């Protein structure tokens, strides 16, 4: 069984029950081969509690995670690192066309492709399953 990889951020929101400040903790995790976004919230005034599980990380929270934790990079090596198998994985996982996959592959090979640690580990696992030596690292 593969290890869960996760990153979290804390932020404030408005309580839908009373309008006061609500403390939130969002977590992006790679669980069972899937990326997910979970949020636990509780209101400081009325004690309303809420948990929302699954879904995609909102862009604002993703940027917050990158700012607070720093980006992780996807690294590949070996002869298959620039081949068709890598572009096939990138196209399938990122939902991009062939030209975009070529551009992303160049960025990966050059050590320039970055994202959250769960995102990069997700791609690294997919690439390893395709026979490509890949790792997600935070520098």
C-alpha atoms as a PDB file:
ATOM      1  CA  UNK A   1       0.000   0.000   0.000  1.00  0.00           C
ATOM      2  CA  UNK A   2       1.339   3.407  -0.961  1.00  0.00           C
ATOM      3  CA  UNK A   3       1.882   6.093   1.613  1.00  0.00           C
ATOM      4  CA  UNK A   4      -0.537   9.013   1.875  1.00  0.00           C
ATOM      5  CA  UNK A   5       1.103  12.319   0.910  1.00  0.00           C
ATOM      6  CA  UNK A   6      -0.596  15.472   2.227  1.00  0.00           C
ATOM      7  CA  UNK A   7      -0.186  19.211   2.707  1.00  0.00           C
ATOM      8  CA  UNK A   8      -2.436  21.502   4.723  1.00  0.00           C
ATOM      9  CA  UNK A   9      -3.194  25.196   5.103  1.00  0.00           C
ATOM     10  CA  UNK A  10      -5.171  27.194   7.645  1.00  0.00           C
ATOM     11  CA  UNK A  11      -7.368  30.141   6.727  1.00  0.00           C
ATOM     12  CA  UNK A  12     -10.410  32.130   7.822  1.00  0.00           C
ATOM     13  CA  UNK A  13     -13.863  32.144   6.253  1.00  0.00           C
ATOM     14  CA  UNK A  14     -17.279  33.542   7.127  1.00  0.00           C
ATOM     15  CA  UNK A  15     -19.660  31.280   9.046  1.00  0.00           C
ATOM     16  CA  UNK A  16     -22.795  30.626   6.997  1.00  0.00           C
ATOM     17  CA  UNK A  17     -24.750  30.176  10.246  1.00  0.00           C
ATOM     18  CA  UNK A  18     -23.964  33.430  12.093  1.00  0.00           C
ATOM     19  CA  UNK A  19     -21.623  35.503   9.911  1.00  0.00           C
ATOM     20  CA  UNK A  20     -18.703  35.408  12.361  1.00  0.00           C
ATOM     21  CA  UNK A  21     -15.166  34.233  11.607  1.00  0.00           C
ATOM     22  CA  UNK A  22     -14.694  30.549  11.013  1.00  0.00           C
ATOM     23  CA  UNK A  23     -11.319  28.815  11.306  1.00  0.00           C
ATOM     24  CA  UNK A  24     -10.659  26.416   8.439  1.00  0.00           C
ATOM     25  CA  UNK A  25      -8.015  23.789   7.785  1.00  0.00           C
ATOM     26  CA  UNK A  26      -7.770  22.502   4.221  1.00  0.00           C
ATOM     27  CA  UNK A  27      -5.771  19.454   3.247  1.00  0.00           C
ATOM     28  CA  UNK A  28      -4.764  18.279  -0.199  1.00  0.00           C
ATOM     29  CA  UNK A  29      -3.914  14.590  -0.074  1.00  0.00           C
ATOM     30  CA  UNK A  30      -2.899  11.801  -2.394  1.00  0.00           C
ATOM     31  CA  UNK A  31      -4.905   8.830  -1.139  1.00  0.00           C
ATOM     32  CA  UNK A  32      -5.386   5.554  -2.985  1.00  0.00           C
ATOM     33  CA  UNK A  33      -3.963   7.004  -6.185  1.00  0.00           C
ATOM     34  CA  UNK A  34      -6.316  10.022  -6.193  1.00  0.00           C
ATOM     35  CA  UNK A  35      -5.871  13.656  -5.253  1.00  0.00           C
ATOM     36  CA  UNK A  36      -8.505  15.036  -2.904  1.00  0.00           C
ATOM     37  CA  UNK A  37      -9.252  18.247  -1.036  1.00  0.00           C
ATOM     38  CA  UNK A  38     -10.803  18.094   2.442  1.00  0.00           C
ATOM     39  CA  UNK A  39     -11.738  21.011   4.705  1.00  0.00           C
ATOM     40  CA  UNK A  40     -12.634  21.066   8.399  1.00  0.00           C
ATOM     41  CA  UNK A  41     -14.122  24.319   9.730  1.00  0.00           C
ATOM     42  CA  UNK A  42     -15.424  25.570  13.051  1.00  0.00           C
ATOM     43  CA  UNK A  43     -16.972  28.901  13.970  1.00  0.00           C
ATOM     44  CA  UNK A  44     -15.373  30.896  16.778  1.00  0.00           C
ATOM     45  CA  UNK A  45     -18.752  32.400  17.772  1.00  0.00           C
ATOM     46  CA  UNK A  46     -21.507  29.790  17.414  1.00  0.00           C
ATOM     47  CA  UNK A  47     -19.404  26.594  17.368  1.00  0.00           C
ATOM     48  CA  UNK A  48     -20.889  25.527  14.013  1.00  0.00           C
ATOM     49  CA  UNK A  49     -18.648  22.762  12.634  1.00  0.00           C
ATOM     50  CA  UNK A  50     -18.390  21.584   9.076  1.00  0.00           C
ATOM     51  CA  UNK A  51     -16.378  19.005   7.143  1.00  0.00           C
ATOM     52  CA  UNK A  52     -16.317  18.895   3.355  1.00  0.00           C
ATOM     53  CA  UNK A  53     -14.491  15.971   1.800  1.00  0.00           C
ATOM     54  CA  UNK A  54     -13.355  15.292  -1.741  1.00  0.00           C
ATOM     55  CA  UNK A  55     -13.179  17.585  -4.710  1.00  0.00           C
ATOM     56  CA  UNK A  56     -10.411  19.667  -6.182  1.00  0.00           C
ATOM     57  CA  UNK A  57      -8.294  22.194  -4.315  1.00  0.00           C
ATOM     58  CA  UNK A  58      -9.462  25.775  -4.951  1.00  0.00           C
ATOM     59  CA  UNK A  59      -6.862  27.853  -6.839  1.00  0.00           C
ATOM     60  CA  UNK A  60      -6.537  30.324  -3.943  1.00  0.00           C
ATOM     61  CA  UNK A  61      -5.761  27.534  -1.441  1.00  0.00           C
ATOM     62  CA  UNK A  62      -3.335  25.866  -3.871  1.00  0.00           C
ATOM     63  CA  UNK A  63      -1.442  29.160  -4.172  1.00  0.00           C
ATOM     64  CA  UNK A  64      -1.464  29.478  -0.378  1.00  0.00           C
ATOM     65  CA  UNK A  65       0.008  25.968  -0.011  1.00  0.00           C
ATOM     66  CA  UNK A  66       2.737  26.768  -2.538  1.00  0.00           C
ATOM     67  CA  UNK A  67       3.544  30.048  -0.748  1.00  0.00           C
ATOM     68  CA  UNK A  68       3.623  28.492   2.735  1.00  0.00           C
ATOM     69  CA  UNK A  69       5.229  25.124   1.956  1.00  0.00           C
ATOM     70  CA  UNK A  70       7.214  25.910  -1.175  1.00  0.00           C
ATOM     71  CA  UNK A  71       6.829  24.086  -4.467  1.00  0.00           C
ATOM     72  CA  UNK A  72       7.744  20.461  -5.016  1.00  0.00           C
ATOM     73  CA  UNK A  73       9.432  19.486  -8.272  1.00  0.00           C
ATOM     74  CA  UNK A  74       8.995  16.453 -10.469  1.00  0.00           C
ATOM     75  CA  UNK A  75      12.292  14.821 -11.483  1.00  0.00           C
ATOM     76  CA  UNK A  76      12.752  12.060 -14.048  1.00  0.00           C
ATOM     77  CA  UNK A  77      15.786  10.124 -15.213  1.00  0.00           C
ATOM     78  CA  UNK A  78      16.745   7.341 -17.563  1.00  0.00           C
ATOM     79  CA  UNK A  79      16.305   6.848 -21.287  1.00  0.00           C
ATOM     80  CA  UNK A  80      12.493   6.714 -21.146  1.00  0.00           C
ATOM     81  CA  UNK A  81      12.280  10.115 -19.447  1.00  0.00           C
ATOM     82  CA  UNK A  82      11.861  11.963 -22.743  1.00  0.00           C
ATOM     83  CA  UNK A  83       9.853   9.388 -24.650  1.00  0.00           C
ATOM     84  CA  UNK A  84       6.322   8.699 -25.715  1.00  0.00           C
ATOM     85  CA  UNK A  85       5.448   6.956 -22.427  1.00  0.00           C
ATOM     86  CA  UNK A  86       6.090  10.123 -20.435  1.00  0.00           C
ATOM     87  CA  UNK A  87       3.993  12.270 -22.754  1.00  0.00           C
ATOM     88  CA  UNK A  88       1.199   9.679 -22.662  1.00  0.00           C
ATOM     89  CA  UNK A  89       1.122   9.861 -18.858  1.00  0.00           C
ATOM     90  CA  UNK A  90       1.225  13.672 -18.859  1.00  0.00           C
ATOM     91  CA  UNK A  91      -1.554  13.904 -21.438  1.00  0.00           C
ATOM     92  CA  UNK A  92      -3.763  11.481 -19.532  1.00  0.00           C
ATOM     93  CA  UNK A  93      -3.197  12.907 -16.071  1.00  0.00           C
ATOM     94  CA  UNK A  94      -3.173  16.602 -16.952  1.00  0.00           C
ATOM     95  CA  UNK A  95      -5.826  16.451 -19.679  1.00  0.00           C
ATOM     96  CA  UNK A  96      -3.625  18.292 -22.179  1.00  0.00           C
ATOM     97  CA  UNK A  97      -2.950  17.971 -25.914  1.00  0.00           C
ATOM     98  CA  UNK A  98       0.219  16.608 -27.514  1.00  0.00           C
ATOM     99  CA  UNK A  99       1.919  20.003 -27.960  1.00  0.00           C
ATOM    100  CA  UNK A 100       1.248  20.912 -24.343  1.00  0.00           C
ATOM    101  CA  UNK A 101       2.522  17.482 -23.220  1.00  0.00           C
ATOM    102  CA  UNK A 102       5.776  18.096 -25.116  1.00  0.00           C
ATOM    103  CA  UNK A 103       6.163  21.483 -23.408  1.00  0.00           C
ATOM    104  CA  UNK A 104       5.453  20.024 -19.950  1.00  0.00           C
ATOM    105  CA  UNK A 105       7.850  17.127 -20.623  1.00  0.00           C
ATOM    106  CA  UNK A 106      10.621  19.628 -21.419  1.00  0.00           C
ATOM    107  CA  UNK A 107       9.911  21.467 -18.176  1.00  0.00           C
ATOM    108  CA  UNK A 108       9.991  18.179 -16.235  1.00  0.00           C
ATOM    109  CA  UNK A 109      13.296  17.092 -17.803  1.00  0.00           C
ATOM    110  CA  UNK A 110      14.785  20.529 -17.082  1.00  0.00           C
ATOM    111  CA  UNK A 111      13.659  20.364 -13.426  1.00  0.00           C
ATOM    112  CA  UNK A 112      11.272  23.297 -13.902  1.00  0.00           C
ATOM    113  CA  UNK A 113       7.885  21.595 -13.466  1.00  0.00           C
ATOM    114  CA  UNK A 114       6.526  22.268  -9.984  1.00  0.00           C
ATOM    115  CA  UNK A 115       3.352  22.097  -7.913  1.00  0.00           C
ATOM    116  CA  UNK A 116       2.194  20.940  -4.509  1.00  0.00           C
ATOM    117  CA  UNK A 117       3.870  17.850  -3.077  1.00  0.00           C
ATOM    118  CA  UNK A 118       0.723  15.692  -3.460  1.00  0.00           C
ATOM    119  CA  UNK A 119       0.361  16.781  -7.109  1.00  0.00           C
ATOM    120  CA  UNK A 120       3.976  16.011  -7.962  1.00  0.00           C
ATOM    121  CA  UNK A 121       3.929  12.681  -6.111  1.00  0.00           C
ATOM    122  CA  UNK A 122       0.747  11.738  -7.993  1.00  0.00           C
ATOM    123  CA  UNK A 123       2.497  12.324 -11.326  1.00  0.00           C
ATOM    124  CA  UNK A 124       5.671  10.591 -10.124  1.00  0.00           C
ATOM    125  CA  UNK A 125       3.690   7.457  -9.200  1.00  0.00           C
ATOM    126  CA  UNK A 126       1.933   7.434 -12.579  1.00  0.00           C
ATOM    127  CA  UNK A 127       5.267   7.817 -14.359  1.00  0.00           C
ATOM    128  CA  UNK A 128       6.852   5.008 -12.307  1.00  0.00           C
ATOM    129  CA  UNK A 129       3.958   2.724 -13.228  1.00  0.00           C
ATOM    130  CA  UNK A 130       4.786   3.496 -16.875  1.00  0.00           C
ATOM    131  CA  UNK A 131       8.403   2.411 -16.293  1.00  0.00           C
ATOM    132  CA  UNK A 132       9.924   5.869 -15.898  1.00  0.00           C
ATOM    133  CA  UNK A 133      12.191   6.650 -12.960  1.00  0.00           C
ATOM    134  CA  UNK A 134      10.475   9.599 -11.296  1.00  0.00           C
ATOM    135  CA  UNK A 135      10.498  11.346  -7.935  1.00  0.00           C
ATOM    136  CA  UNK A 136       8.776  14.297  -6.305  1.00  0.00           C
ATOM    137  CA  UNK A 137      11.078  16.404  -4.147  1.00  0.00           C
ATOM    138  CA  UNK A 138      10.929  19.642  -2.260  1.00  0.00           C
ATOM    139  CA  UNK A 139      14.144  21.621  -2.592  1.00  0.00           C
END
